[in-house]
Each structure stands twice: as structure tokens, then as C-alpha cells.
C-alpha atoms as a PDB file:
ATOM      1  CA  MET A   1      -5.258  -4.730  -7.458  1.00  0.00           C
ATOM      2  CA  HIS A   2      -1.832  -4.472  -9.089  1.00  0.00           C
ATOM      3  CA  PRO A   3      -1.693  -5.566 -12.768  1.00  0.00           C
ATOM      4  CA  GLU A   4       1.068  -8.052 -11.848  1.00  0.00           C
ATOM      5  CA  VAL A   5      -1.249  -9.792  -9.362  1.00  0.00           C
ATOM      6  CA  TRP A   6      -4.053  -9.905 -11.941  1.00  0.00           C
ATOM      7  CA  HIS A   7      -1.806 -11.617 -14.498  1.00  0.00           C
ATOM      8  CA  LYS A   8      -0.505 -14.060 -11.864  1.00  0.00           C
ATOM      9  CA  ALA A   9      -4.128 -15.009 -11.193  1.00  0.00           C
ATOM     10  CA  GLN A  10      -4.354 -15.955 -14.866  1.00  0.00           C
ATOM     11  CA  LEU A  11      -1.105 -17.909 -14.984  1.00  0.00           C
ATOM     12  CA  LEU A  12      -0.753 -19.477 -11.540  1.00  0.00           C
ATOM     13  CA  ALA A  13      -4.382 -19.879 -10.478  1.00  0.00           C
ATOM     14  CA  GLN A  14      -5.392 -20.591 -14.094  1.00  0.00           C
ATOM     15  CA  ILE A  15      -8.297 -18.158 -13.965  1.00  0.00           C
ATOM     16  CA  GLU A  16      -8.956 -17.375 -17.612  1.00  0.00           C
ATOM     17  CA  ALA A  17     -10.789 -14.076 -17.074  1.00  0.00           C
ATOM     18  CA  PRO A  18     -10.178 -12.635 -13.582  1.00  0.00           C
ATOM     19  CA  SER A  19     -12.537  -9.910 -12.405  1.00  0.00           C
ATOM     20  CA  ILE A  20     -12.246  -7.395  -9.583  1.00  0.00           C
ATOM     21  CA  GLY A  21     -15.089  -6.564  -7.216  1.00  0.00           C
ATOM     22  CA  TYR A  22     -14.604  -3.762  -4.699  1.00  0.00           C
ATOM     23  CA  GLY A  23     -16.694  -3.597  -1.528  1.00  0.00           C
ATOM     24  CA  CYS A  24     -18.243  -7.053  -1.935  1.00  0.00           C
ATOM     25  CA  SER A  25     -19.476  -8.938   1.112  1.00  0.00           C
ATOM     26  CA  GLU A  26     -22.085 -11.552   2.027  1.00  0.00           C
ATOM     27  CA  ALA A  27     -24.564  -8.711   2.501  1.00  0.00           C
ATOM     28  CA  SER A  28     -23.602  -6.469  -0.436  1.00  0.00           C
ATOM     29  CA  PRO A  29     -22.905  -7.129  -4.130  1.00  0.00           C
ATOM     30  CA  GLY A  30     -20.254  -4.427  -4.038  1.00  0.00           C
ATOM     31  CA  ILE A  31     -19.495  -0.826  -4.916  1.00  0.00           C
ATOM     32  CA  ALA A  32     -17.329  -1.022  -8.040  1.00  0.00           C
ATOM     33  CA  HIS A  33     -16.436  -3.658 -10.613  1.00  0.00           C
ATOM     34  CA  LEU A  34     -13.774  -4.381 -13.221  1.00  0.00           C
ATOM     35  CA  PRO A  35     -15.396  -6.871 -15.641  1.00  0.00           C
ATOM     36  CA  PRO A  36     -14.003 -10.374 -16.255  1.00  0.00           C
ATOM     37  CA  GLY A  37     -10.979 -10.418 -18.546  1.00  0.00           C
ATOM     38  CA  ILE A  38     -10.282  -6.685 -18.248  1.00  0.00           C
ATOM     39  CA  ALA A  39      -6.819  -6.135 -16.724  1.00  0.00           C
ATOM     40  CA  PRO A  40      -6.236  -3.237 -14.286  1.00  0.00           C
ATOM     41  CA  ILE A  41      -4.833  -0.107 -15.911  1.00  0.00           C
ATOM     42  CA  ARG A  42      -2.422   0.396 -13.000  1.00  0.00           C
ATOM     43  CA  ALA A  43      -2.092  -0.439  -9.313  1.00  0.00           C
ATOM     44  CA  GLY A  44      -5.281   0.238  -7.353  1.00  0.00           C
ATOM     45  CA  ASP A  45      -7.598   0.034 -10.361  1.00  0.00           C
ATOM     46  CA  ILE A  46     -11.051  -1.096  -9.139  1.00  0.00           C
ATOM     47  CA  GLY A  47     -13.051  -0.309 -12.273  1.00  0.00           C
ATOM     48  CA  ARG A  48     -16.220   1.766 -12.275  1.00  0.00           C
ATOM     49  CA  LEU A  49     -19.087   2.291  -9.864  1.00  0.00           C
ATOM     50  CA  LEU A  50     -21.958  -0.131 -10.262  1.00  0.00           C
ATOM     51  CA  PRO A  51     -24.957   1.711 -11.806  1.00  0.00           C
ATOM     52  CA  SER A  52     -26.999   1.648  -8.589  1.00  0.00           C
ATOM     53  CA  VAL A  53     -24.275   3.063  -6.314  1.00  0.00           C
ATOM     54  CA  LYS A  54     -23.960   6.698  -5.276  1.00  0.00           C
ATOM     55  CA  LEU A  55     -20.604   7.852  -3.925  1.00  0.00           C
ATOM     56  CA  SER A  56     -19.837  11.018  -1.927  1.00  0.00           C
ATOM     57  CA  LEU A  57     -16.752  12.259  -0.101  1.00  0.00           C
ATOM     58  CA  ASP A  58     -17.003  12.417   3.683  1.00  0.00           C
ATOM     59  CA  PRO A  59     -15.828  15.603   5.482  1.00  0.00           C
ATOM     60  CA  GLU A  60     -13.778  13.438   7.876  1.00  0.00           C
ATOM     61  CA  GLY A  61     -11.925  11.759   5.002  1.00  0.00           C
ATOM     62  CA  GLY A  62     -12.866   8.579   3.200  1.00  0.00           C
ATOM     63  CA  TYR A  63     -16.274   8.423   1.549  1.00  0.00           C
ATOM     64  CA  ARG A  64     -19.881   7.288   1.907  1.00  0.00           C
ATOM     65  CA  PHE A  65     -21.844   5.176  -0.502  1.00  0.00           C
ATOM     66  CA  SER A  66     -25.585   4.609  -0.745  1.00  0.00           C
ATOM     67  CA  GLY A  67     -28.087   2.828  -2.951  1.00  0.00           C
ATOM     68  CA  PRO A  68     -29.727  -0.624  -3.151  1.00  0.00           C
ATOM     69  CA  ASN A  69     -26.328  -2.344  -2.879  1.00  0.00           C
ATOM     70  CA  LEU A  70     -26.138  -1.171   0.717  1.00  0.00           C
ATOM     71  CA  CYS A  71     -26.779  -3.858   3.321  1.00  0.00           C
ATOM     72  CA  LEU A  72     -30.447  -3.330   4.235  1.00  0.00           C
ATOM     73  CA  ALA A  73     -30.065  -4.029   7.953  1.00  0.00           C
ATOM     74  CA  THR A  74     -27.336  -4.390  10.572  1.00  0.00           C
ATOM     75  CA  ILE A  75     -27.618  -5.769  14.086  1.00  0.00           C
ATOM     76  CA  ASP A  76     -25.861  -3.889  16.890  1.00  0.00           C
ATOM     77  CA  GLY A  77     -26.392  -5.858  20.079  1.00  0.00           C
ATOM     78  CA  LEU A  78     -30.159  -6.321  20.314  1.00  0.00           C
ATOM     79  CA  LYS A  79     -30.903  -3.365  18.058  1.00  0.00           C
ATOM     80  CA  VAL A  80     -31.609  -3.634  14.330  1.00  0.00           C
ATOM     81  CA  GLU A  81     -30.518  -0.598  12.305  1.00  0.00           C
ATOM     82  CA  TYR A  82     -31.387   0.334   8.732  1.00  0.00           C
ATOM     83  CA  PRO A  83     -28.530   2.517   7.422  1.00  0.00           C
ATOM     84  CA  THR A  84     -29.084   5.017   4.638  1.00  0.00           C
ATOM     85  CA  SER A  85     -25.366   5.174   3.800  1.00  0.00           C
ATOM     86  CA  HIS A  86     -22.147   3.426   4.734  1.00  0.00           C
ATOM     87  CA  TYR A  87     -18.750   4.942   5.569  1.00  0.00           C
ATOM     88  CA  VAL A  88     -15.558   3.477   4.077  1.00  0.00           C
ATOM     89  CA  ALA A  89     -12.150   4.656   5.346  1.00  0.00           C
ATOM     90  CA  ASP A  90     -10.431   4.488   1.953  1.00  0.00           C
ATOM     91  CA  HIS A  91      -8.831   7.021  -0.367  1.00  0.00           C
ATOM     92  CA  ILE A  92     -10.577   6.685  -3.744  1.00  0.00           C
ATOM     93  CA  HIS A  93      -9.621   8.697  -6.824  1.00  0.00           C
ATOM     94  CA  ARG A  94     -12.027   9.041  -9.751  1.00  0.00           C
ATOM     95  CA  ASP A  95     -10.528  10.097 -13.084  1.00  0.00           C
ATOM     96  CA  ALA A  96     -12.247  12.120 -15.811  1.00  0.00           C
ATOM     97  CA  ASP A  97     -13.628   8.939 -17.414  1.00  0.00           C
ATOM     98  CA  GLY A  98     -15.224   7.732 -14.188  1.00  0.00           C
ATOM     99  CA  HIS A  99     -12.574   5.083 -13.511  1.00  0.00           C
ATOM    100  CA  LEU A 100     -11.923   4.489  -9.797  1.00  0.00           C
ATOM    101  CA  PHE A 101      -8.538   3.863  -8.154  1.00  0.00           C
ATOM    102  CA  PHE A 102      -7.964   2.702  -4.585  1.00  0.00           C
ATOM    103  CA  GLN A 103      -5.171   4.817  -3.057  1.00  0.00           C
ATOM    104  CA  GLY A 104      -4.958   3.500   0.472  1.00  0.00           C
ATOM    105  CA  ARG A 105      -6.708   3.634   3.828  1.00  0.00           C
ATOM    106  CA  THR A 106      -7.345   6.862   5.686  1.00  0.00           C
ATOM    107  CA  ASP A 107      -6.627   5.140   9.012  1.00  0.00           C
ATOM    108  CA  ILE A 108      -3.216   3.619   8.141  1.00  0.00           C
ATOM    109  CA  VAL A 109      -1.097   6.732   8.390  1.00  0.00           C
ATOM    110  CA  LEU A 110       2.220   8.123   9.555  1.00  0.00           C
ATOM    111  CA  ASN A 111       1.705  11.097  11.872  1.00  0.00           C
ATOM    112  CA  ARG A 112       4.996  12.899  11.313  1.00  0.00           C
ATOM    113  CA  GLY A 113       5.123  16.003  13.467  1.00  0.00           C
ATOM    114  CA  GLY A 114       1.386  16.588  12.968  1.00  0.00           C
ATOM    115  CA  GLU A 115       1.418  15.936   9.215  1.00  0.00           C
ATOM    116  CA  LYS A 116      -0.275  12.694   8.125  1.00  0.00           C
ATOM    117  CA  TYR A 117       0.852  10.457   5.274  1.00  0.00           C
ATOM    118  CA  PRO A 118      -0.904   7.279   3.992  1.00  0.00           C
ATOM    119  CA  LEU A 119       1.458   4.349   4.484  1.00  0.00           C
ATOM    120  CA  ASP A 120      -0.254   1.893   2.146  1.00  0.00           C
ATOM    121  CA  ARG A 121      -0.377   4.481  -0.619  1.00  0.00           C
ATOM    122  CA  MET A 122       3.392   4.899  -0.243  1.00  0.00           C
ATOM    123  CA  GLU A 123       3.799   1.139  -0.700  1.00  0.00           C
ATOM    124  CA  ILE A 124       1.700   1.148  -3.874  1.00  0.00           C
ATOM    125  CA  LEU A 125       3.650   4.076  -5.345  1.00  0.00           C
ATOM    126  CA  VAL A 126       7.060   2.566  -4.556  1.00  0.00           C
ATOM    127  CA  LYS A 127       6.070  -0.771  -6.111  1.00  0.00           C
ATOM    128  CA  GLU A 128       4.594   0.834  -9.214  1.00  0.00           C
ATOM    129  CA  ARG A 129       7.185   3.559  -9.873  1.00  0.00           C
ATOM    130  CA  VAL A 130      10.448   2.218  -8.405  1.00  0.00           C
ATOM    131  CA  GLY A 131       9.816  -1.541  -8.560  1.00  0.00           C
ATOM    132  CA  LEU A 132      10.581  -2.244  -4.890  1.00  0.00           C
ATOM    133  CA  ASP A 133       8.432  -4.441  -2.646  1.00  0.00           C
ATOM    134  CA  VAL A 134       8.186  -2.605   0.680  1.00  0.00           C
ATOM    135  CA  ILE A 135       6.160  -2.278   3.868  1.00  0.00           C
ATOM    136  CA  CYS A 136       5.928   1.210   5.350  1.00  0.00           C
ATOM    137  CA  VAL A 137       5.387   1.743   9.074  1.00  0.00           C
ATOM    138  CA  ASP A 138       5.660   4.483  11.675  1.00  0.00           C
ATOM    139  CA  VAL A 139       8.626   4.239  14.052  1.00  0.00           C
ATOM    140  CA  PRO A 140       9.420   6.388  17.128  1.00  0.00           C
ATOM    141  CA  ASP A 141      11.411   9.566  16.520  1.00  0.00           C
ATOM    142  CA  ASP A 142      12.768  11.930  19.198  1.00  0.00           C
ATOM    143  CA  ARG A 143      12.168  15.077  17.136  1.00  0.00           C
ATOM    144  CA  LEU A 144       8.975  14.412  15.183  1.00  0.00           C
ATOM    145  CA  GLY A 145       7.285  11.846  17.417  1.00  0.00           C
ATOM    146  CA  SER A 146       7.108   9.370  14.517  1.00  0.00           C
ATOM    147  CA  GLU A 147       9.242   8.874  11.425  1.00  0.00           C
ATOM    148  CA  LEU A 148       8.869   6.702   8.352  1.00  0.00           C
ATOM    149  CA  GLY A 149      10.226   3.151   8.537  1.00  0.00           C
ATOM    150  CA  ILE A 150      10.628   1.136   5.329  1.00  0.00           C
ATOM    151  CA  VAL A 151      11.126  -2.626   5.185  1.00  0.00           C
ATOM    152  CA  VAL A 152      12.508  -3.555   1.759  1.00  0.00           C
ATOM    153  CA  LYS A 153      12.289  -7.065   0.325  1.00  0.00           C
ATOM    154  CA  ASP A 154      15.855  -8.205  -0.200  1.00  0.00           C
ATOM    155  CA  ILE A 155      17.293  -9.726  -3.353  1.00  0.00           C
ATOM    156  CA  PRO A 156      17.736 -13.529  -2.966  1.00  0.00           C
ATOM    157  CA  GLU A 157      21.247 -14.434  -1.789  1.00  0.00           C
ATOM    158  CA  ASN A 158      21.936 -16.631  -4.830  1.00  0.00           C
ATOM    159  CA  ARG A 159      21.357 -13.650  -7.124  1.00  0.00           C
ATOM    160  CA  ARG A 160      23.667 -11.503  -5.012  1.00  0.00           C
ATOM    161  CA  GLN A 161      26.518 -14.044  -5.180  1.00  0.00           C
ATOM    162  CA  ASN A 162      26.133 -15.204  -8.782  1.00  0.00           C
ATOM    163  CA  PRO A 163      27.057 -12.465 -11.331  1.00  0.00           C
ATOM    164  CA  LEU A 164      25.271 -14.431 -14.077  1.00  0.00           C
ATOM    165  CA  GLU A 165      21.968 -14.043 -12.215  1.00  0.00           C
ATOM    166  CA  THR A 166      22.488 -10.410 -11.238  1.00  0.00           C
ATOM    167  CA  SER A 167      20.745  -7.929 -13.507  1.00  0.00           C
ATOM    168  CA  ALA A 168      21.706  -4.286 -13.970  1.00  0.00           C
ATOM    169  CA  GLN A 169      18.694  -3.381 -11.810  1.00  0.00           C
ATOM    170  CA  ASP A 170      19.943  -5.721  -9.050  1.00  0.00           C
ATOM    171  CA  GLN A 171      23.366  -4.079  -9.091  1.00  0.00           C
ATOM    172  CA  GLN A 172      21.756  -0.722  -8.301  1.00  0.00           C
ATOM    173  CA  TRP A 173      19.401  -2.179  -5.665  1.00  0.00           C
ATOM    174  CA  PRO A 174      17.861  -0.548  -3.828  1.00  0.00           C
ATOM    175  CA  ASP A 175      17.487   2.740  -5.655  1.00  0.00           C
ATOM    176  CA  LEU A 176      16.985   4.890  -2.558  1.00  0.00           C
ATOM    177  CA  ALA A 177      17.558   8.112  -4.470  1.00  0.00           C
ATOM    178  CA  SER A 178      14.592   7.349  -6.753  1.00  0.00           C
ATOM    179  CA  LEU A 179      12.492   6.184  -3.798  1.00  0.00           C
ATOM    180  CA  PHE A 180      13.049   9.387  -1.817  1.00  0.00           C
ATOM    181  CA  ALA A 181      12.600  11.566  -4.908  1.00  0.00           C
ATOM    182  CA  LEU A 182       9.256   9.862  -5.591  1.00  0.00           C
ATOM    183  CA  LEU A 183       7.985  10.396  -2.027  1.00  0.00           C
ATOM    184  CA  LYS A 184       9.069  14.029  -2.072  1.00  0.00           C
ATOM    185  CA  ALA A 185       7.343  14.622  -5.422  1.00  0.00           C
ATOM    186  CA  GLU A 186       4.112  12.971  -4.258  1.00  0.00           C
ATOM    187  CA  PHE A 187       3.900  14.339  -0.709  1.00  0.00           C
ATOM    188  CA  GLY A 188       5.949  17.542  -0.818  1.00  0.00           C
ATOM    189  CA  ARG A 189       8.308  16.532   2.007  1.00  0.00           C
ATOM    190  CA  SER A 190      11.725  14.899   2.213  1.00  0.00           C
ATOM    191  CA  PHE A 191      11.795  11.425   3.757  1.00  0.00           C
ATOM    192  CA  GLU A 192      15.543  10.875   3.447  1.00  0.00           C
ATOM    193  CA  THR A 193      15.729  10.415   7.217  1.00  0.00           C
ATOM    194  CA  ALA A 194      13.562   7.280   6.933  1.00  0.00           C
ATOM    195  CA  HIS A 195      14.709   4.174   8.795  1.00  0.00           C
ATOM    196  CA  ILE A 196      15.518   1.329   6.409  1.00  0.00           C
ATOM    197  CA  ARG A 197      15.471  -2.419   7.064  1.00  0.00           C
ATOM    198  CA  ARG A 198      15.866  -5.222   4.556  1.00  0.00           C
ATOM    199  CA  SER A 199      14.188  -8.591   4.902  1.00  0.00           C
ATOM    200  CA  ALA A 200      14.329 -11.770   2.823  1.00  0.00           C
ATOM    201  CA  LYS A 201      10.534 -11.974   3.101  1.00  0.00           C
ATOM    202  CA  LEU A 202       8.040  -9.228   3.826  1.00  0.00           C
ATOM    203  CA  PRO A 203       5.855 -10.080   6.849  1.00  0.00           C
ATOM    204  CA  VAL A 204       2.176 -10.686   6.066  1.00  0.00           C
ATOM    205  CA  ASN A 205      -0.799 -11.625   8.242  1.00  0.00           C
ATOM    206  CA  ALA A 206      -3.259 -14.506   7.871  1.00  0.00           C
ATOM    207  CA  GLN A 207      -5.203 -12.529   5.250  1.00  0.00           C
ATOM    208  CA  GLY A 208      -2.074 -12.049   3.144  1.00  0.00           C
ATOM    209  CA  LYS A 209      -1.913  -8.334   3.946  1.00  0.00           C
ATOM    210  CA  PRO A 210       1.171  -6.475   5.251  1.00  0.00           C
ATOM    211  CA  ASP A 211       1.793  -7.283   8.921  1.00  0.00           C
ATOM    212  CA  ARG A 212       2.775  -3.828  10.148  1.00  0.00           C
ATOM    213  CA  GLN A 213       3.178  -4.932  13.748  1.00  0.00           C
ATOM    214  CA  GLU A 214       5.783  -7.516  12.793  1.00  0.00           C
ATOM    215  CA  ALA A 215       7.402  -5.083  10.346  1.00  0.00           C
ATOM    216  CA  ARG A 216       7.588  -2.449  13.082  1.00  0.00           C
ATOM    217  CA  SER A 217       9.326  -4.928  15.380  1.00  0.00           C
ATOM    218  CA  LEU A 218      12.274  -5.071  12.948  1.00  0.00           C
ATOM    219  CA  PHE A 219      13.176  -1.534  13.989  1.00  0.00           C
ATOM    220  CA  VAL A 220      13.543  -2.399  17.668  1.00  0.00           C
ATOM    221  CA  SER A 221      15.216  -5.798  17.245  1.00  0.00           C
ATOM    222  CA  SER A 222      18.905  -5.799  18.126  1.00  0.00           C
ATOM    223  CA  ALA A 223      19.338  -8.729  15.766  1.00  0.00           C
ATOM    224  CA  THR A 224      18.648  -6.521  12.740  1.00  0.00           C
ATOM    225  CA  ALA A 225      20.210  -3.291  14.001  1.00  0.00           C
ATOM    226  CA  SER A 226      23.753  -3.934  12.762  1.00  0.00           C
ATOM    227  CA  ASP A 227      22.505  -5.191   9.394  1.00  0.00           C
ATOM    228  CA  ALA A 228      20.410  -2.069   8.974  1.00  0.00           C
ATOM    229  CA  LEU A 229      23.295   0.210   9.996  1.00  0.00           C
ATOM    230  CA  ASP A 230      25.637  -1.389   7.453  1.00  0.00           C
ATOM    231  CA  PHE A 231      22.889  -1.071   4.846  1.00  0.00           C
ATOM    232  CA  ARG A 232      22.534   2.671   5.473  1.00  0.00           C
ATOM    233  CA  LEU A 233      26.299   3.280   5.524  1.00  0.00           C
ATOM    234  CA  ALA A 234      26.678   1.490   2.214  1.00  0.00           C
ATOM    235  CA  HIS A 235      24.130   3.858   0.671  1.00  0.00           C
ATOM    236  CA  ASP A 236      24.746   7.037   2.640  1.00  0.00           C
ATOM    237  CA  GLY A 237      25.363   8.900  -0.573  1.00  0.00           C
ATOM    238  CA  ASP A 238      21.610   8.637  -1.201  1.00  0.00           C
ATOM    239  CA  ALA A 239      20.656  10.259   2.086  1.00  0.00           C
ATOM    240  CA  GLY A 240      20.308  13.936   2.835  1.00  0.00           C
ATOM    241  CA  SER A 241      19.478  16.188   5.753  1.00  0.00           C
ATOM    242  CA  ARG A 242      16.318  16.228   7.836  1.00  0.00           C
ATOM    243  CA  SER A 243      13.386  18.303   6.726  1.00  0.00           C
END
């Protein structure tokens, strides 16, 4: 959870002491917990492992957890199974103090010429470090097979037209140079050839999560093509050569 969301839960939902449970379901009390009233340190903070949970990295990526919090039985067709561990397709980082941070899914990736990059982790980094709300998707590319596509939440039109409501940060929006520098620093590759679209509202699904299918459709829609082209031309000083 992002700290901004946690504080909005306090203010808007009037939850005095929000808490974060990671891995909770009807059949499991969870894997990690951030106690009530303790705000996340940064985006992705999910607290610490519950005392009864054992966590181990999986060779295929992601991790496995075991312990009494594991659902005791699952039904597959007519067969009842009793798992000894459960696989979760998430990137989890544990710092020196035992604090856990969710860093994205292992199965939501951009396969860029054989190199894989976690799309949801990119979104978290861009929000936290550059302050942009984005959805990252894979879009077709003649050379690499797939290239990065970024849908950026646009500044409201009234703020664009009214100088009194336009902050210094708005005037520099979007800071593509900082965005590309961040991605290069984190992943060791230049993404300055990324396709950019802007949208008044980022598409989300019924669960409130990024709707990547709808976001991906923005890159094939003729209705947005000219807008996107003008957007890139206006900021072509931020772009560089392919890598």
C-alpha cells in the first residue's frame, strides 16, 4: 500500500487506525501484517511476517510460504489436497530489519527482446519517485517484439487553462527526463523509446486495479494517435535514441 492511500483511508473513509494484511483470505489469516495505526514507510510496505509463517524464494521466481496460516485443504475437482506450501507470484523484498515490501507481480511483465521487466513495479517507482500516476503496458514493436507503453494521468483541464491553479510542478508536467532516468537507473536499460499516451482518467477494473487491456487499447486507437503524437513532439527534447 502507498502511504498516500493509507492516509486517505484515515481521512476519507474515517478509519482511525488502518491496518494492512497481506495474503489474507477466507481460508488464511495472512502472511504479513502492518499493525493498526502504523503508516507504511513507503509504497509497497506490507509490514512483517506473522510469527507462524515461513517464507522461501522459489527458483522459478516469486516465493513459497508455509506454516499453520496455510489453508489446510483445497478441492480440485473431486480431489481434496493438503498442501505443504503455497506459491505466490509476487516480488517481495525483505530489508535488514525484517520489513517486507511488495515490489510487483512476477507474471505482469514486459518481455522486451527477451529481457523481462515488471510493469507494476515500474508504476510504483514512477509514482513514488517522480510523482506521476501511470499504467505501464507492453505494446507491439517491430524490432524488439514488445516495447514499453506508458499511460499518464493528465492534469485537469481547468488547471492547465488557469495560471492561478497551475503549480511549478504542473508547468513541467510530465517530467519525462526524470521518468526515463529513473527507469534506466533501476533496470539498467534506456526506455526513452517508450510509447506515451495521456488520459484524463487511468482505466481500472471492477476491483479498482489497473485495467491493462483497456490501457493497451489506447495505443491502437486512432482517436488518441494524433494527441499522443503531439504530446511526444512537444517533449521530444526529453527523448533519446533506442537502446
